C-alpha atoms as a PDB file:
ATOM      1  CA  MET A   1      24.977 -55.223-163.883  1.00  0.00           C
ATOM      2  CA  SER A   2      27.623 -52.538-163.364  1.00  0.00           C
ATOM      3  CA  ARG A   3      30.480 -51.349-165.549  1.00  0.00           C
ATOM      4  CA  TYR A   4      33.625 -50.095-163.807  1.00  0.00           C
ATOM      5  CA  LYS A   5      36.332 -47.784-165.159  1.00  0.00           C
ATOM      6  CA  THR A   6      39.019 -50.470-165.104  1.00  0.00           C
ATOM      7  CA  PRO A   7      39.191 -54.277-164.953  1.00  0.00           C
ATOM      8  CA  GLY A   8      41.022 -53.882-161.614  1.00  0.00           C
ATOM      9  CA  ALA A   9      38.137 -51.896-160.147  1.00  0.00           C
ATOM     10  CA  ALA A  10      35.673 -54.491-161.455  1.00  0.00           C
ATOM     11  CA  LYS A  11      37.716 -57.314-159.904  1.00  0.00           C
ATOM     12  CA  ALA A  12      37.724 -55.511-156.543  1.00  0.00           C
ATOM     13  CA  ALA A  13      33.953 -54.971-156.749  1.00  0.00           C
ATOM     14  CA  TYR A  14      33.415 -58.635-157.675  1.00  0.00           C
ATOM     15  CA  GLY A  15      35.416 -59.752-154.617  1.00  0.00           C
ATOM     16  CA  SER A  16      33.531 -57.357-152.372  1.00  0.00           C
ATOM     17  CA  ILE A  17      30.122 -58.519-153.634  1.00  0.00           C
ATOM     18  CA  VAL A  18      30.964 -62.210-153.122  1.00  0.00           C
ATOM     19  CA  LYS A  19      32.289 -61.464-149.612  1.00  0.00           C
ATOM     20  CA  THR A  20      29.163 -59.453-148.737  1.00  0.00           C
ATOM     21  CA  ILE A  21      26.791 -62.194-149.910  1.00  0.00           C
ATOM     22  CA  LYS A  22      28.687 -64.819-147.897  1.00  0.00           C
ATOM     23  CA  SER A  23      28.595 -62.717-144.722  1.00  0.00           C
ATOM     24  CA  CYS A  24      25.200 -61.006-145.082  1.00  0.00           C
ATOM     25  CA  LYS A  25      23.182 -60.960-141.860  1.00  0.00           C
ATOM     26  CA  ALA A  26      20.370 -58.740-143.175  1.00  0.00           C
ATOM     27  CA  ALA A  27      18.169 -61.568-144.422  1.00  0.00           C
ATOM     28  CA  ARG A  28      18.238 -63.755-141.328  1.00  0.00           C
ATOM     29  CA  PRO A  29      15.790 -66.640-141.333  1.00  0.00           C
ATOM     30  CA  ALA A  30      12.593 -66.447-139.307  1.00  0.00           C
ATOM     31  CA  PRO A  31      12.848 -67.702-135.697  1.00  0.00           C
ATOM     32  CA  THR A  32      11.185 -70.925-136.840  1.00  0.00           C
ATOM     33  CA  HIS A  33      13.797 -71.589-139.551  1.00  0.00           C
ATOM     34  CA  ALA A  34      17.494 -72.345-139.852  1.00  0.00           C
ATOM     35  CA  ARG A  35      19.819 -71.394-142.694  1.00  0.00           C
ATOM     36  CA  LYS A  36      22.832 -72.947-144.339  1.00  0.00           C
ATOM     37  CA  LEU A  37      25.038 -72.216-147.331  1.00  0.00           C
ATOM     38  CA  THR A  38      24.497 -75.140-149.694  1.00  0.00           C
ATOM     39  CA  GLU A  39      26.587 -73.905-152.623  1.00  0.00           C
ATOM     40  CA  ASN A  40      29.787 -71.941-152.783  1.00  0.00           C
ATOM     41  CA  ARG A  41      31.601 -72.681-156.014  1.00  0.00           C
ATOM     42  CA  THR A  42      33.315 -71.024-158.937  1.00  0.00           C
ATOM     43  CA  LEU A  43      32.541 -71.701-162.597  1.00  0.00           C
ATOM     44  CA  ALA A  44      34.849 -71.171-165.549  1.00  0.00           C
ATOM     45  CA  VAL A  45      32.565 -68.521-167.065  1.00  0.00           C
ATOM     46  CA  GLY A  46      33.659 -64.995-167.970  1.00  0.00           C
ATOM     47  CA  ASP A  47      36.762 -64.045-166.005  1.00  0.00           C
ATOM     48  CA  ALA A  48      35.160 -65.483-162.862  1.00  0.00           C
ATOM     49  CA  THR A  49      31.688 -66.605-161.826  1.00  0.00           C
ATOM     50  CA  SER A  50      30.700 -67.546-158.277  1.00  0.00           C
ATOM     51  CA  ILE A  51      27.507 -69.373-157.418  1.00  0.00           C
ATOM     52  CA  LEU A  52      26.317 -68.939-153.843  1.00  0.00           C
ATOM     53  CA  ARG A  53      23.082 -70.393-152.537  1.00  0.00           C
ATOM     54  CA  TRP A  54      21.594 -69.840-149.099  1.00  0.00           C
ATOM     55  CA  TYR A  55      18.906 -72.299-148.074  1.00  0.00           C
ATOM     56  CA  ASP A  56      16.327 -71.861-145.281  1.00  0.00           C
ATOM     57  CA  TYR A  57      14.494 -74.828-143.853  1.00  0.00           C
ATOM     58  CA  PRO A  58      11.887 -75.077-141.083  1.00  0.00           C
ATOM     59  CA  LEU A  59      12.922 -76.273-137.646  1.00  0.00           C
ATOM     60  CA  PRO A  60      11.124 -79.299-136.166  1.00  0.00           C
ATOM     61  CA  SER A  61       9.049 -76.851-134.075  1.00  0.00           C
ATOM     62  CA  ASP A  62       7.406 -75.529-137.283  1.00  0.00           C
ATOM     63  CA  PRO A  63       6.677 -78.525-139.526  1.00  0.00           C
ATOM     64  CA  GLY A  64       4.127 -76.686-141.694  1.00  0.00           C
ATOM     65  CA  SER A  65       6.517 -74.068-143.048  1.00  0.00           C
ATOM     66  CA  GLU A  66       8.118 -74.147-146.490  1.00  0.00           C
ATOM     67  CA  ASP A  67      11.759 -74.340-147.416  1.00  0.00           C
ATOM     68  CA  GLY A  68      13.230 -71.338-149.182  1.00  0.00           C
ATOM     69  CA  GLY A  69      16.349 -70.680-151.219  1.00  0.00           C
ATOM     70  CA  PHE A  70      18.292 -67.531-151.999  1.00  0.00           C
ATOM     71  CA  PRO A  71      20.712 -68.252-154.861  1.00  0.00           C
ATOM     72  CA  TYR A  72      23.106 -65.734-156.394  1.00  0.00           C
ATOM     73  CA  ALA A  73      25.476 -65.815-159.359  1.00  0.00           C
ATOM     74  CA  VAL A  74      28.145 -63.130-159.529  1.00  0.00           C
ATOM     75  CA  THR A  75      30.092 -62.844-162.800  1.00  0.00           C
ATOM     76  CA  LEU A  76      33.108 -60.744-163.677  1.00  0.00           C
ATOM     77  CA  LYS A  77      33.909 -60.138-167.346  1.00  0.00           C
ATOM     78  CA  GLY A  78      36.447 -57.450-168.168  1.00  0.00           C
ATOM     79  CA  SER A  79      35.157 -54.305-166.462  1.00  0.00           C
ATOM     80  CA  VAL A  80      31.572 -55.577-165.990  1.00  0.00           C
ATOM     81  CA  VAL A  81      30.154 -57.258-162.894  1.00  0.00           C
ATOM     82  CA  SER A  82      26.776 -58.970-163.131  1.00  0.00           C
ATOM     83  CA  VAL A  83      24.703 -60.272-160.209  1.00  0.00           C
ATOM     84  CA  ILE A  84      21.746 -62.608-160.662  1.00  0.00           C
ATOM     85  CA  ALA A  85      19.611 -63.084-157.546  1.00  0.00           C
ATOM     86  CA  PHE A  86      16.619 -65.367-157.133  1.00  0.00           C
ATOM     87  CA  ARG A  87      14.282 -66.033-154.252  1.00  0.00           C
ATOM     88  CA  GLU A  88      12.545 -69.371-154.292  1.00  0.00           C
ATOM     89  CA  MET A  89       9.992 -71.079-152.093  1.00  0.00           C
ATOM     90  CA  GLY A  90       9.723 -74.811-151.602  1.00  0.00           C
ATOM     91  CA  LYS A  91      12.532 -76.924-153.020  1.00  0.00           C
ATOM     92  CA  GLY A  92      13.135 -74.255-155.678  1.00  0.00           C
ATOM     93  CA  VAL A  93      15.527 -74.237-158.624  1.00  0.00           C
ATOM     94  CA  LYS A  94      17.792 -77.272-158.890  1.00  0.00           C
ATOM     95  CA  PRO A  95      21.515 -76.390-158.681  1.00  0.00           C
ATOM     96  CA  ALA A  96      22.165 -77.637-162.232  1.00  0.00           C
ATOM     97  CA  ASN A  97      19.446 -75.331-163.607  1.00  0.00           C
ATOM     98  CA  PHE A  98      20.761 -72.336-161.676  1.00  0.00           C
ATOM     99  CA  GLU A  99      24.203 -72.991-163.160  1.00  0.00           C
ATOM    100  CA  LYS A 100      22.596 -73.037-166.612  1.00  0.00           C
ATOM    101  CA  PHE A 101      20.972 -69.638-165.931  1.00  0.00           C
ATOM    102  CA  ALA A 102      24.307 -68.216-164.754  1.00  0.00           C
ATOM    103  CA  ARG A 103      26.105 -69.467-167.871  1.00  0.00           C
ATOM    104  CA  LEU A 104      23.401 -68.059-170.176  1.00  0.00           C
ATOM    105  CA  ALA A 105      23.534 -64.661-168.480  1.00  0.00           C
ATOM    106  CA  ALA A 106      27.343 -64.558-168.560  1.00  0.00           C
ATOM    107  CA  ALA A 107      27.327 -65.367-172.287  1.00  0.00           C
ATOM    108  CA  HIS A 108      25.348 -62.156-172.910  1.00  0.00           C
ATOM    109  CA  LEU A 109      27.684 -59.805-171.052  1.00  0.00           C
ATOM    110  CA  PRO A 110      29.339 -57.168-173.260  1.00  0.00           C
END
């Protein structure tokens, strides 16, 4: 969670964080896995909340590997930007539960 000097600066940071998560190449999947973006939506929480969820799944050449998810929730409220990041193995957190976590966290922002 970060507090910025102005709501405009916080809004710019929020946009930059969402853009970076969508385009991030640093956490590429293993050669035996593929990745897709399974969620990219905005909730009416705070001034803006984006839920983004990357999902890795094993390729047919590696049937013994586990799925993995990398969900994020980015919330803007006034001059505060909050980022929740999870890493999950297997089928992981259901999208409805991750939305619940994001809403609970956003409700506690100053």
